[in-house]
Amino acid sequence: AIPSILFILVFLSVFEPSITLLIVVIGLTNW
């Protein structure tokens, strides 16, 4: 029900983006 791209954008705007964080966020939204 929540657009994954919106969730990722909000999360990455709050925390400092990095390769590890990007992997975790994308993984947690696409399962």
mmCIF file of all heavy atoms, coordinates in Angstrom:
data_MODEL
# 
_entry.id   MODEL 
# 
loop_
_atom_site.group_PDB 
_atom_site.id 
_atom_site.type_symbol 
_atom_site.label_atom_id 
_atom_site.label_alt_id 
_atom_site.label_comp_id 
_atom_site.label_asym_id 
_atom_site.label_entity_id 
_atom_site.label_seq_id 
_atom_site.pdbx_PDB_ins_code 
_atom_site.Cartn_x 
_atom_site.Cartn_y 
_atom_site.Cartn_z 
_atom_site.occupancy 
_atom_site.B_iso_or_equiv 
_atom_site.pdbx_formal_charge 
_atom_site.auth_seq_id 
_atom_site.auth_comp_id 
_atom_site.auth_asym_id 
_atom_site.auth_atom_id 
_atom_site.pdbx_PDB_model_num 
ATOM 1   N N   . ALA A 1 1  ? 0.817  -1.217  0.000  1.00 0.00 ? 1  ALA A N   1 
ATOM 2   C CA  . ALA A 1 1  ? 0.000  0.000   0.000  1.00 0.00 ? 1  ALA A CA  1 
ATOM 3   C C   . ALA A 1 1  ? 0.849  1.265   0.000  1.00 0.00 ? 1  ALA A C   1 
ATOM 4   O O   . ALA A 1 1  ? 0.371  2.334   -0.386 1.00 0.00 ? 1  ALA A O   1 
ATOM 5   C CB  . ALA A 1 1  ? -0.936 -0.003  1.210  1.00 0.00 ? 1  ALA A CB  1 
ATOM 6   N N   . ILE A 1 2  ? 2.104  1.129   0.432  1.00 0.00 ? 2  ILE A N   1 
ATOM 7   C CA  . ILE A 1 2  ? 3.013  2.279   0.473  1.00 0.00 ? 2  ILE A CA  1 
ATOM 8   C C   . ILE A 1 2  ? 3.955  2.198   -0.719 1.00 0.00 ? 2  ILE A C   1 
ATOM 9   O O   . ILE A 1 2  ? 4.655  1.198   -0.875 1.00 0.00 ? 2  ILE A O   1 
ATOM 10  C CB  . ILE A 1 2  ? 3.832  2.295   1.774  1.00 0.00 ? 2  ILE A CB  1 
ATOM 11  C CG1 . ILE A 1 2  ? 2.913  2.287   2.993  1.00 0.00 ? 2  ILE A CG1 1 
ATOM 12  C CG2 . ILE A 1 2  ? 4.753  3.513   1.809  1.00 0.00 ? 2  ILE A CG2 1 
ATOM 13  C CD1 . ILE A 1 2  ? 3.648  2.153   4.310  1.00 0.00 ? 2  ILE A CD1 1 
ATOM 14  N N   . PRO A 1 3  ? 3.994  3.204   -1.580 1.00 0.00 ? 3  PRO A N   1 
ATOM 15  C CA  . PRO A 1 3  ? 4.945  3.175   -2.714 1.00 0.00 ? 3  PRO A CA  1 
ATOM 16  C C   . PRO A 1 3  ? 6.373  3.019   -2.209 1.00 0.00 ? 3  PRO A C   1 
ATOM 17  O O   . PRO A 1 3  ? 6.830  3.798   -1.368 1.00 0.00 ? 3  PRO A O   1 
ATOM 18  C CB  . PRO A 1 3  ? 4.728  4.529   -3.393 1.00 0.00 ? 3  PRO A CB  1 
ATOM 19  C CG  . PRO A 1 3  ? 3.353  4.955   -2.972 1.00 0.00 ? 3  PRO A CG  1 
ATOM 20  C CD  . PRO A 1 3  ? 3.157  4.406   -1.588 1.00 0.00 ? 3  PRO A CD  1 
ATOM 21  N N   . SER A 1 4  ? 7.060  2.003   -2.696 1.00 0.00 ? 4  SER A N   1 
ATOM 22  C CA  . SER A 1 4  ? 8.407  1.716   -2.203 1.00 0.00 ? 4  SER A CA  1 
ATOM 23  C C   . SER A 1 4  ? 9.367  2.872   -2.455 1.00 0.00 ? 4  SER A C   1 
ATOM 24  O O   . SER A 1 4  ? 10.213 3.187   -1.610 1.00 0.00 ? 4  SER A O   1 
ATOM 25  C CB  . SER A 1 4  ? 8.948  0.440   -2.862 1.00 0.00 ? 4  SER A CB  1 
ATOM 26  O OG  . SER A 1 4  ? 8.972  0.589   -4.268 1.00 0.00 ? 4  SER A OG  1 
ATOM 27  N N   . ILE A 1 5  ? 9.224  3.537   -3.593 1.00 0.00 ? 5  ILE A N   1 
ATOM 28  C CA  . ILE A 1 5  ? 10.124 4.650   -3.907 1.00 0.00 ? 5  ILE A CA  1 
ATOM 29  C C   . ILE A 1 5  ? 9.922  5.792   -2.921 1.00 0.00 ? 5  ILE A C   1 
ATOM 30  O O   . ILE A 1 5  ? 10.886 6.461   -2.521 1.00 0.00 ? 5  ILE A O   1 
ATOM 31  C CB  . ILE A 1 5  ? 9.907  5.128   -5.363 1.00 0.00 ? 5  ILE A CB  1 
ATOM 32  C CG1 . ILE A 1 5  ? 10.935 6.200   -5.727 1.00 0.00 ? 5  ILE A CG1 1 
ATOM 33  C CG2 . ILE A 1 5  ? 8.495  5.634   -5.557 1.00 0.00 ? 5  ILE A CG2 1 
ATOM 34  C CD1 . ILE A 1 5  ? 12.346 5.717   -5.788 1.00 0.00 ? 5  ILE A CD1 1 
ATOM 35  N N   . LEU A 1 6  ? 8.676  6.010   -2.490 1.00 0.00 ? 6  LEU A N   1 
ATOM 36  C CA  . LEU A 1 6  ? 8.400  7.065   -1.505 1.00 0.00 ? 6  LEU A CA  1 
ATOM 37  C C   . LEU A 1 6  ? 9.037  6.726   -0.165 1.00 0.00 ? 6  LEU A C   1 
ATOM 38  O O   . LEU A 1 6  ? 9.656  7.586   0.476  1.00 0.00 ? 6  LEU A O   1 
ATOM 39  C CB  . LEU A 1 6  ? 6.890  7.246   -1.349 1.00 0.00 ? 6  LEU A CB  1 
ATOM 40  C CG  . LEU A 1 6  ? 6.432  8.262   -0.300 1.00 0.00 ? 6  LEU A CG  1 
ATOM 41  C CD1 . LEU A 1 6  ? 6.952  9.650   -0.645 1.00 0.00 ? 6  LEU A CD1 1 
ATOM 42  C CD2 . LEU A 1 6  ? 4.905  8.271   -0.191 1.00 0.00 ? 6  LEU A CD2 1 
ATOM 43  N N   . PHE A 1 7  ? 8.898  5.472   0.255  1.00 0.00 ? 7  PHE A N   1 
ATOM 44  C CA  . PHE A 1 7  ? 9.502  5.038   1.513  1.00 0.00 ? 7  PHE A CA  1 
ATOM 45  C C   . PHE A 1 7  ? 11.019 5.195   1.473  1.00 0.00 ? 7  PHE A C   1 
ATOM 46  O O   . PHE A 1 7  ? 11.638 5.675   2.431  1.00 0.00 ? 7  PHE A O   1 
ATOM 47  C CB  . PHE A 1 7  ? 9.127  3.581   1.783  1.00 0.00 ? 7  PHE A CB  1 
ATOM 48  C CG  . PHE A 1 7  ? 9.737  3.008   3.034  1.00 0.00 ? 7  PHE A CG  1 
ATOM 49  C CD1 . PHE A 1 7  ? 9.138  3.207   4.266  1.00 0.00 ? 7  PHE A CD1 1 
ATOM 50  C CD2 . PHE A 1 7  ? 10.920 2.268   2.968  1.00 0.00 ? 7  PHE A CD2 1 
ATOM 51  C CE1 . PHE A 1 7  ? 9.699  2.682   5.421  1.00 0.00 ? 7  PHE A CE1 1 
ATOM 52  C CE2 . PHE A 1 7  ? 11.482 1.739   4.112  1.00 0.00 ? 7  PHE A CE2 1 
ATOM 53  C CZ  . PHE A 1 7  ? 10.873 1.944   5.350  1.00 0.00 ? 7  PHE A CZ  1 
ATOM 54  N N   . ILE A 1 8  ? 11.624 4.803   0.361  1.00 0.00 ? 8  ILE A N   1 
ATOM 55  C CA  . ILE A 1 8  ? 13.081 4.897   0.224  1.00 0.00 ? 8  ILE A CA  1 
ATOM 56  C C   . ILE A 1 8  ? 13.537 6.352   0.251  1.00 0.00 ? 8  ILE A C   1 
ATOM 57  O O   . ILE A 1 8  ? 14.526 6.700   0.908  1.00 0.00 ? 8  ILE A O   1 
ATOM 58  C CB  . ILE A 1 8  ? 13.531 4.203   -1.068 1.00 0.00 ? 8  ILE A CB  1 
ATOM 59  C CG1 . ILE A 1 8  ? 13.268 2.697   -0.990 1.00 0.00 ? 8  ILE A CG1 1 
ATOM 60  C CG2 . ILE A 1 8  ? 15.020 4.452   -1.330 1.00 0.00 ? 8  ILE A CG2 1 
ATOM 61  C CD1 . ILE A 1 8  ? 13.512 1.969   -2.285 1.00 0.00 ? 8  ILE A CD1 1 
ATOM 62  N N   . LEU A 1 9  ? 12.815 7.221   -0.460 1.00 0.00 ? 9  LEU A N   1 
ATOM 63  C CA  . LEU A 1 9  ? 13.190 8.633   -0.499 1.00 0.00 ? 9  LEU A CA  1 
ATOM 64  C C   . LEU A 1 9  ? 13.115 9.265   0.885  1.00 0.00 ? 9  LEU A C   1 
ATOM 65  O O   . LEU A 1 9  ? 14.008 10.019  1.285  1.00 0.00 ? 9  LEU A O   1 
ATOM 66  C CB  . LEU A 1 9  ? 12.279 9.383   -1.470 1.00 0.00 ? 9  LEU A CB  1 
ATOM 67  C CG  . LEU A 1 9  ? 12.507 9.115   -2.968 1.00 0.00 ? 9  LEU A CG  1 
ATOM 68  C CD1 . LEU A 1 9  ? 11.442 9.824   -3.794 1.00 0.00 ? 9  LEU A CD1 1 
ATOM 69  C CD2 . LEU A 1 9  ? 13.893 9.572   -3.386 1.00 0.00 ? 9  LEU A CD2 1 
ATOM 70  N N   . VAL A 1 10 ? 12.062 8.958   1.628  1.00 0.00 ? 10 VAL A N   1 
ATOM 71  C CA  . VAL A 1 10 ? 11.910 9.513   2.980  1.00 0.00 ? 10 VAL A CA  1 
ATOM 72  C C   . VAL A 1 10 ? 13.034 9.004   3.875  1.00 0.00 ? 10 VAL A C   1 
ATOM 73  O O   . VAL A 1 10 ? 13.646 9.772   4.638  1.00 0.00 ? 10 VAL A O   1 
ATOM 74  C CB  . VAL A 1 10 ? 10.530 9.146   3.560  1.00 0.00 ? 10 VAL A CB  1 
ATOM 75  C CG1 . VAL A 1 10 ? 10.452 9.528   5.034  1.00 0.00 ? 10 VAL A CG1 1 
ATOM 76  C CG2 . VAL A 1 10 ? 9.418  9.832   2.782  1.00 0.00 ? 10 VAL A CG2 1 
ATOM 77  N N   . PHE A 1 11 ? 13.317 7.731   3.795  1.00 0.00 ? 11 PHE A N   1 
ATOM 78  C CA  . PHE A 1 11 ? 14.339 7.134   4.651  1.00 0.00 ? 11 PHE A CA  1 
ATOM 79  C C   . PHE A 1 11 ? 15.716 7.714   4.348  1.00 0.00 ? 11 PHE A C   1 
ATOM 80  O O   . PHE A 1 11 ? 16.485 8.052   5.258  1.00 0.00 ? 11 PHE A O   1 
ATOM 81  C CB  . PHE A 1 11 ? 14.345 5.610   4.455  1.00 0.00 ? 11 PHE A CB  1 
ATOM 82  C CG  . PHE A 1 11 ? 14.982 4.862   5.581  1.00 0.00 ? 11 PHE A CG  1 
ATOM 83  C CD1 . PHE A 1 11 ? 14.240 4.417   6.651  1.00 0.00 ? 11 PHE A CD1 1 
ATOM 84  C CD2 . PHE A 1 11 ? 16.350 4.593   5.571  1.00 0.00 ? 11 PHE A CD2 1 
ATOM 85  C CE1 . PHE A 1 11 ? 14.829 3.719   7.699  1.00 0.00 ? 11 PHE A CE1 1 
ATOM 86  C CE2 . PHE A 1 11 ? 16.956 3.903   6.592  1.00 0.00 ? 11 PHE A CE2 1 
ATOM 87  C CZ  . PHE A 1 11 ? 16.195 3.468   7.668  1.00 0.00 ? 11 PHE A CZ  1 
ATOM 88  N N   . LEU A 1 12 ? 16.040 7.831   3.057  1.00 0.00 ? 12 LEU A N   1 
ATOM 89  C CA  . LEU A 1 12 ? 17.359 8.335   2.679  1.00 0.00 ? 12 LEU A CA  1 
ATOM 90  C C   . LEU A 1 12 ? 17.511 9.830   2.939  1.00 0.00 ? 12 LEU A C   1 
ATOM 91  O O   . LEU A 1 12 ? 18.629 10.327  3.070  1.00 0.00 ? 12 LEU A O   1 
ATOM 92  C CB  . LEU A 1 12 ? 17.628 8.035   1.202  1.00 0.00 ? 12 LEU A CB  1 
ATOM 93  C CG  . LEU A 1 12 ? 17.797 6.561   0.831  1.00 0.00 ? 12 LEU A CG  1 
ATOM 94  C CD1 . LEU A 1 12 ? 17.987 6.401   -0.672 1.00 0.00 ? 12 LEU A CD1 1 
ATOM 95  C CD2 . LEU A 1 12 ? 18.979 5.942   1.574  1.00 0.00 ? 12 LEU A CD2 1 
ATOM 96  N N   . SER A 1 13 ? 16.386 10.558  2.979  1.00 0.00 ? 13 SER A N   1 
ATOM 97  C CA  . SER A 1 13 ? 16.455 11.983  3.283  1.00 0.00 ? 13 SER A CA  1 
ATOM 98  C C   . SER A 1 13 ? 16.673 12.234  4.770  1.00 0.00 ? 13 SER A C   1 
ATOM 99  O O   . SER A 1 13 ? 17.147 13.305  5.165  1.00 0.00 ? 13 SER A O   1 
ATOM 100 C CB  . SER A 1 13 ? 15.180 12.682  2.821  1.00 0.00 ? 13 SER A CB  1 
ATOM 101 O OG  . SER A 1 13 ? 14.054 12.193  3.523  1.00 0.00 ? 13 SER A OG  1 
ATOM 102 N N   . VAL A 1 14 ? 16.334 11.250  5.604  1.00 0.00 ? 14 VAL A N   1 
ATOM 103 C CA  . VAL A 1 14 ? 16.522 11.383  7.052  1.00 0.00 ? 14 VAL A CA  1 
ATOM 104 C C   . VAL A 1 14 ? 17.932 10.960  7.454  1.00 0.00 ? 14 VAL A C   1 
ATOM 105 O O   . VAL A 1 14 ? 18.593 11.620  8.255  1.00 0.00 ? 14 VAL A O   1 
ATOM 106 C CB  . VAL A 1 14 ? 15.470 10.551  7.812  1.00 0.00 ? 14 VAL A CB  1 
ATOM 107 C CG1 . VAL A 1 14 ? 15.752 10.578  9.315  1.00 0.00 ? 14 VAL A CG1 1 
ATOM 108 C CG2 . VAL A 1 14 ? 14.067 11.075  7.526  1.00 0.00 ? 14 VAL A CG2 1 
ATOM 109 N N   . PHE A 1 15 ? 18.391 9.842   6.891  1.00 0.00 ? 15 PHE A N   1 
ATOM 110 C CA  . PHE A 1 15 ? 19.713 9.321   7.227  1.00 0.00 ? 15 PHE A CA  1 
ATOM 111 C C   . PHE A 1 15 ? 20.697 9.613   6.092  1.00 0.00 ? 15 PHE A C   1 
ATOM 112 O O   . PHE A 1 15 ? 20.307 9.771   4.947  1.00 0.00 ? 15 PHE A O   1 
ATOM 113 C CB  . PHE A 1 15 ? 19.646 7.816   7.481  1.00 0.00 ? 15 PHE A CB  1 
ATOM 114 C CG  . PHE A 1 15 ? 18.743 7.434   8.618  1.00 0.00 ? 15 PHE A CG  1 
ATOM 115 C CD1 . PHE A 1 15 ? 17.427 7.063   8.382  1.00 0.00 ? 15 PHE A CD1 1 
ATOM 116 C CD2 . PHE A 1 15 ? 19.197 7.464   9.922  1.00 0.00 ? 15 PHE A CD2 1 
ATOM 117 C CE1 . PHE A 1 15 ? 16.583 6.716   9.419  1.00 0.00 ? 15 PHE A CE1 1 
ATOM 118 C CE2 . PHE A 1 15 ? 18.365 7.125   10.975 1.00 0.00 ? 15 PHE A CE2 1 
ATOM 119 C CZ  . PHE A 1 15 ? 17.053 6.749   10.728 1.00 0.00 ? 15 PHE A CZ  1 
ATOM 120 N N   . GLU A 1 16 ? 21.965 9.640   6.441  1.00 0.00 ? 16 GLU A N   1 
ATOM 121 C CA  . GLU A 1 16 ? 22.991 9.930   5.436  1.00 0.00 ? 16 GLU A CA  1 
ATOM 122 C C   . GLU A 1 16 ? 23.126 8.761   4.473  1.00 0.00 ? 16 GLU A C   1 
ATOM 123 O O   . GLU A 1 16 ? 23.395 7.628   4.887  1.00 0.00 ? 16 GLU A O   1 
ATOM 124 C CB  . GLU A 1 16 ? 24.339 10.187  6.122  1.00 0.00 ? 16 GLU A CB  1 
ATOM 125 C CG  . GLU A 1 16 ? 25.440 10.564  5.151  1.00 0.00 ? 16 GLU A CG  1 
ATOM 126 C CD  . GLU A 1 16 ? 26.740 10.857  5.873  1.00 0.00 ? 16 GLU A CD  1 
ATOM 127 O OE1 . GLU A 1 16 ? 26.762 10.825  7.118  1.00 0.00 ? 16 GLU A OE1 1 
ATOM 128 O OE2 . GLU A 1 16 ? 27.746 11.113  5.182  1.00 0.00 ? 16 GLU A OE2 1 
ATOM 129 N N   . PRO A 1 17 ? 22.940 8.985   3.174  1.00 0.00 ? 17 PRO A N   1 
ATOM 130 C CA  . PRO A 1 17 ? 22.998 7.885   2.208  1.00 0.00 ? 17 PRO A CA  1 
ATOM 131 C C   . PRO A 1 17 ? 24.392 7.255   2.148  1.00 0.00 ? 17 PRO A C   1 
ATOM 132 O O   . PRO A 1 17 ? 25.407 7.929   2.258  1.00 0.00 ? 17 PRO A O   1 
ATOM 133 C CB  . PRO A 1 17 ? 22.650 8.564   0.872  1.00 0.00 ? 17 PRO A CB  1 
ATOM 134 C CG  . PRO A 1 17 ? 21.956 9.836   1.255  1.00 0.00 ? 17 PRO A CG  1 
ATOM 135 C CD  . PRO A 1 17 ? 22.589 10.271  2.541  1.00 0.00 ? 17 PRO A CD  1 
ATOM 136 N N   . SER A 1 18 ? 24.414 5.950   1.974  1.00 0.00 ? 18 SER A N   1 
ATOM 137 C CA  . SER A 1 18 ? 25.645 5.192   1.784  1.00 0.00 ? 18 SER A CA  1 
ATOM 138 C C   . SER A 1 18 ? 25.297 3.918   1.035  1.00 0.00 ? 18 SER A C   1 
ATOM 139 O O   . SER A 1 18 ? 24.118 3.576   0.886  1.00 0.00 ? 18 SER A O   1 
ATOM 140 C CB  . SER A 1 18 ? 26.308 4.860   3.127  1.00 0.00 ? 18 SER A CB  1 
ATOM 141 O OG  . SER A 1 18 ? 25.495 3.978   3.872  1.00 0.00 ? 18 SER A OG  1 
ATOM 142 N N   . ILE A 1 19 ? 26.315 3.216   0.573  1.00 0.00 ? 19 ILE A N   1 
ATOM 143 C CA  . ILE A 1 19 ? 26.073 1.973   -0.162 1.00 0.00 ? 19 ILE A CA  1 
ATOM 144 C C   . ILE A 1 19 ? 25.369 0.956   0.728  1.00 0.00 ? 19 ILE A C   1 
ATOM 145 O O   . ILE A 1 19 ? 24.392 0.310   0.325  1.00 0.00 ? 19 ILE A O   1 
ATOM 146 C CB  . ILE A 1 19 ? 27.389 1.400   -0.704 1.00 0.00 ? 19 ILE A CB  1 
ATOM 147 C CG1 . ILE A 1 19 ? 28.000 2.354   -1.732 1.00 0.00 ? 19 ILE A CG1 1 
ATOM 148 C CG2 . ILE A 1 19 ? 27.168 0.024   -1.326 1.00 0.00 ? 19 ILE A CG2 1 
ATOM 149 C CD1 . ILE A 1 19 ? 29.336 1.884   -2.295 1.00 0.00 ? 19 ILE A CD1 1 
ATOM 150 N N   . THR A 1 20 ? 25.848 0.818   1.968  1.00 0.00 ? 20 THR A N   1 
ATOM 151 C CA  . THR A 1 20 ? 25.248 -0.150  2.888  1.00 0.00 ? 20 THR A CA  1 
ATOM 152 C C   . THR A 1 20 ? 23.798 0.195   3.188  1.00 0.00 ? 20 THR A C   1 
ATOM 153 O O   . THR A 1 20 ? 22.914 -0.672  3.161  1.00 0.00 ? 20 THR A O   1 
ATOM 154 C CB  . THR A 1 20 ? 26.048 -0.207  4.201  1.00 0.00 ? 20 THR A CB  1 
ATOM 155 O OG1 . THR A 1 20 ? 27.408 -0.557  3.912  1.00 0.00 ? 20 THR A OG1 1 
ATOM 156 C CG2 . THR A 1 20 ? 25.454 -1.233  5.149  1.00 0.00 ? 20 THR A CG2 1 
ATOM 157 N N   . LEU A 1 21 ? 23.541 1.472   3.464  1.00 0.00 ? 21 LEU A N   1 
ATOM 158 C CA  . LEU A 1 21 ? 22.174 1.887   3.776  1.00 0.00 ? 21 LEU A CA  1 
ATOM 159 C C   . LEU A 1 21 ? 21.257 1.689   2.579  1.00 0.00 ? 21 LEU A C   1 
ATOM 160 O O   . LEU A 1 21 ? 20.101 1.262   2.723  1.00 0.00 ? 21 LEU A O   1 
ATOM 161 C CB  . LEU A 1 21 ? 22.169 3.357   4.199  1.00 0.00 ? 21 LEU A CB  1 
ATOM 162 C CG  . LEU A 1 21 ? 20.804 3.941   4.603  1.00 0.00 ? 21 LEU A CG  1 
ATOM 163 C CD1 . LEU A 1 21 ? 20.240 3.205   5.812  1.00 0.00 ? 21 LEU A CD1 1 
ATOM 164 C CD2 . LEU A 1 21 ? 20.925 5.426   4.899  1.00 0.00 ? 21 LEU A CD2 1 
ATOM 165 N N   . LEU A 1 22 ? 21.765 1.958   1.391  1.00 0.00 ? 22 LEU A N   1 
ATOM 166 C CA  . LEU A 1 22 ? 20.964 1.792   0.183  1.00 0.00 ? 22 LEU A CA  1 
ATOM 167 C C   . LEU A 1 22 ? 20.589 0.326   -0.012 1.00 0.00 ? 22 LEU A C   1 
ATOM 168 O O   . LEU A 1 22 ? 19.447 0.003   -0.366 1.00 0.00 ? 22 LEU A O   1 
ATOM 169 C CB  . LEU A 1 22 ? 21.749 2.307   -1.021 1.00 0.00 ? 22 LEU A CB  1 
ATOM 170 C CG  . LEU A 1 22 ? 20.951 2.709   -2.270 1.00 0.00 ? 22 LEU A CG  1 
ATOM 171 C CD1 . LEU A 1 22 ? 19.929 3.772   -1.947 1.00 0.00 ? 22 LEU A CD1 1 
ATOM 172 C CD2 . LEU A 1 22 ? 21.888 3.179   -3.369 1.00 0.00 ? 22 LEU A CD2 1 
ATOM 173 N N   . ILE A 1 23 ? 21.536 -0.571  0.221  1.00 0.00 ? 23 ILE A N   1 
ATOM 174 C CA  . ILE A 1 23 ? 21.263 -2.004  0.099  1.00 0.00 ? 23 ILE A CA  1 
ATOM 175 C C   . ILE A 1 23 ? 20.181 -2.436  1.086  1.00 0.00 ? 23 ILE A C   1 
ATOM 176 O O   . ILE A 1 23 ? 19.238 -3.156  0.729  1.00 0.00 ? 23 ILE A O   1 
ATOM 177 C CB  . ILE A 1 23 ? 22.551 -2.814  0.320  1.00 0.00 ? 23 ILE A CB  1 
ATOM 178 C CG1 . ILE A 1 23 ? 23.527 -2.585  -0.835 1.00 0.00 ? 23 ILE A CG1 1 
ATOM 179 C CG2 . ILE A 1 23 ? 22.246 -4.298  0.475  1.00 0.00 ? 23 ILE A CG2 1 
ATOM 180 C CD1 . ILE A 1 23 ? 24.897 -3.202  -0.617 1.00 0.00 ? 23 ILE A CD1 1 
ATOM 181 N N   . VAL A 1 24 ? 20.313 -1.977  2.326  1.00 0.00 ? 24 VAL A N   1 
ATOM 182 C CA  . VAL A 1 24 ? 19.357 -2.371  3.365  1.00 0.00 ? 24 VAL A CA  1 
ATOM 183 C C   . VAL A 1 24 ? 17.963 -1.828  3.069  1.00 0.00 ? 24 VAL A C   1 
ATOM 184 O O   . VAL A 1 24 ? 16.963 -2.557  3.150  1.00 0.00 ? 24 VAL A O   1 
ATOM 185 C CB  . VAL A 1 24 ? 19.847 -1.886  4.747  1.00 0.00 ? 24 VAL A CB  1 
ATOM 186 C CG1 . VAL A 1 24 ? 18.768 -2.112  5.813  1.00 0.00 ? 24 VAL A CG1 1 
ATOM 187 C CG2 . VAL A 1 24 ? 21.132 -2.599  5.140  1.00 0.00 ? 24 VAL A CG2 1 
ATOM 188 N N   . VAL A 1 25 ? 17.877 -0.561  2.696  1.00 0.00 ? 25 VAL A N   1 
ATOM 189 C CA  . VAL A 1 25 ? 16.568 0.060   2.457  1.00 0.00 ? 25 VAL A CA  1 
ATOM 190 C C   . VAL A 1 25 ? 15.863 -0.595  1.267  1.00 0.00 ? 25 VAL A C   1 
ATOM 191 O O   . VAL A 1 25 ? 14.668 -0.922  1.334  1.00 0.00 ? 25 VAL A O   1 
ATOM 192 C CB  . VAL A 1 25 ? 16.724 1.578   2.229  1.00 0.00 ? 25 VAL A CB  1 
ATOM 193 C CG1 . VAL A 1 25 ? 15.392 2.189   1.820  1.00 0.00 ? 25 VAL A CG1 1 
ATOM 194 C CG2 . VAL A 1 25 ? 17.237 2.246   3.484  1.00 0.00 ? 25 VAL A CG2 1 
ATOM 195 N N   . ILE A 1 26 ? 16.589 -0.790  0.174  1.00 0.00 ? 26 ILE A N   1 
ATOM 196 C CA  . ILE A 1 26 ? 15.980 -1.420  -1.001 1.00 0.00 ? 26 ILE A CA  1 
ATOM 197 C C   . ILE A 1 26 ? 15.575 -2.856  -0.687 1.00 0.00 ? 26 ILE A C   1 
ATOM 198 O O   . ILE A 1 26 ? 14.503 -3.323  -1.090 1.00 0.00 ? 26 ILE A O   1 
ATOM 199 C CB  . ILE A 1 26 ? 16.939 -1.367  -2.206 1.00 0.00 ? 26 ILE A CB  1 
ATOM 200 C CG1 . ILE A 1 26 ? 17.174 0.082   -2.631 1.00 0.00 ? 26 ILE A CG1 1 
ATOM 201 C CG2 . ILE A 1 26 ? 16.377 -2.170  -3.375 1.00 0.00 ? 26 ILE A CG2 1 
ATOM 202 C CD1 . ILE A 1 26 ? 18.173 0.233   -3.764 1.00 0.00 ? 26 ILE A CD1 1 
ATOM 203 N N   . GLY A 1 27 ? 16.423 -3.558  0.058  1.00 0.00 ? 27 GLY A N   1 
ATOM 204 C CA  . GLY A 1 27 ? 16.099 -4.931  0.424  1.00 0.00 ? 27 GLY A CA  1 
ATOM 205 C C   . GLY A 1 27 ? 14.864 -5.032  1.301  1.00 0.00 ? 27 GLY A C   1 
ATOM 206 O O   . GLY A 1 27 ? 14.030 -5.921  1.127  1.00 0.00 ? 27 GLY A O   1 
ATOM 207 N N   . LEU A 1 28 ? 14.716 -4.091  2.227  1.00 0.00 ? 28 LEU A N   1 
ATOM 208 C CA  . LEU A 1 28 ? 13.582 -4.124  3.153  1.00 0.00 ? 28 LEU A CA  1 
ATOM 209 C C   . LEU A 1 28 ? 12.268 -3.677  2.511  1.00 0.00 ? 28 LEU A C   1 
ATOM 210 O O   . LEU A 1 28 ? 11.204 -3.860  3.100  1.00 0.00 ? 28 LEU A O   1 
ATOM 211 C CB  . LEU A 1 28 ? 13.878 -3.237  4.368  1.00 0.00 ? 28 LEU A CB  1 
ATOM 212 C CG  . LEU A 1 28 ? 14.990 -3.724  5.297  1.00 0.00 ? 28 LEU A CG  1 
ATOM 213 C CD1 . LEU A 1 28 ? 15.211 -2.729  6.438  1.00 0.00 ? 28 LEU A CD1 1 
ATOM 214 C CD2 . LEU A 1 28 ? 14.662 -5.102  5.864  1.00 0.00 ? 28 LEU A CD2 1 
ATOM 215 N N   . THR A 1 29 ? 12.329 -3.090  1.340  1.00 0.00 ? 29 THR A N   1 
ATOM 216 C CA  . THR A 1 29 ? 11.104 -2.639  0.677  1.00 0.00 ? 29 THR A CA  1 
ATOM 217 C C   . THR A 1 29 ? 10.686 -3.531  -0.497 1.00 0.00 ? 29 THR A C   1 
ATOM 218 O O   . THR A 1 29 ? 9.553  -3.427  -0.971 1.00 0.00 ? 29 THR A O   1 
ATOM 219 C CB  . THR A 1 29 ? 11.271 -1.201  0.145  1.00 0.00 ? 29 THR A CB  1 
ATOM 220 O OG1 . THR A 1 29 ? 12.426 -1.137  -0.696 1.00 0.00 ? 29 THR A OG1 1 
ATOM 221 C CG2 . THR A 1 29 ? 11.439 -0.222  1.291  1.00 0.00 ? 29 THR A CG2 1 
ATOM 222 N N   . ASN A 1 30 ? 11.580 -4.409  -0.945 1.00 0.00 ? 30 ASN A N   1 
ATOM 223 C CA  . ASN A 1 30 ? 11.277 -5.216  -2.134 1.00 0.00 ? 30 ASN A CA  1 
ATOM 224 C C   . ASN A 1 30 ? 11.071 -6.699  -1.849 1.00 0.00 ? 30 ASN A C   1 
ATOM 225 O O   . ASN A 1 30 ? 11.023 -7.498  -2.789 1.00 0.00 ? 30 ASN A O   1 
ATOM 226 C CB  . ASN A 1 30 ? 12.397 -5.053  -3.170 1.00 0.00 ? 30 ASN A CB  1 
ATOM 227 C CG  . ASN A 1 30 ? 12.422 -3.669  -3.793 1.00 0.00 ? 30 ASN A CG  1 
ATOM 228 O OD1 . ASN A 1 30 ? 11.423 -2.959  -3.787 1.00 0.00 ? 30 ASN A OD1 1 
ATOM 229 N ND2 . ASN A 1 30 ? 13.562 -3.276  -4.321 1.00 0.00 ? 30 ASN A ND2 1 
ATOM 230 N N   . TRP A 1 31 ? 10.933 -7.084  -0.594 1.00 0.00 ? 31 TRP A N   1 
ATOM 231 C CA  . TRP A 1 31 ? 10.782 -8.497  -0.265 1.00 0.00 ? 31 TRP A CA  1 
ATOM 232 C C   . TRP A 1 31 ? 9.363  -9.015  -0.475 1.00 0.00 ? 31 TRP A C   1 
ATOM 233 O O   . TRP A 1 31 ? 9.136  -10.229 -0.555 1.00 0.00 ? 31 TRP A O   1 
ATOM 234 C CB  . TRP A 1 31 ? 11.187 -8.750  1.189  1.00 0.00 ? 31 TRP A CB  1 
ATOM 235 C CG  . TRP A 1 31 ? 10.344 -8.006  2.192  1.00 0.00 ? 31 TRP A CG  1 
ATOM 236 C CD1 . TRP A 1 31 ? 10.588 -6.761  2.689  1.00 0.00 ? 31 TRP A CD1 1 
ATOM 237 C CD2 . TRP A 1 31 ? 9.138  -8.451  2.805  1.00 0.00 ? 31 TRP A CD2 1 
ATOM 238 N NE1 . TRP A 1 31 ? 9.600  -6.399  3.575  1.00 0.00 ? 31 TRP A NE1 1 
ATOM 239 C CE2 . TRP A 1 31 ? 8.699  -7.416  3.669  1.00 0.00 ? 31 TRP A CE2 1 
ATOM 240 C CE3 . TRP A 1 31 ? 8.378  -9.628  2.723  1.00 0.00 ? 31 TRP A CE3 1 
ATOM 241 C CZ2 . TRP A 1 31 ? 7.542  -7.526  4.436  1.00 0.00 ? 31 TRP A CZ2 1 
ATOM 242 C CZ3 . TRP A 1 31 ? 7.220  -9.735  3.478  1.00 0.00 ? 31 TRP A CZ3 1 
ATOM 243 C CH2 . TRP A 1 31 ? 6.813  -8.697  4.326  1.00 0.00 ? 31 TRP A CH2 1 
# 
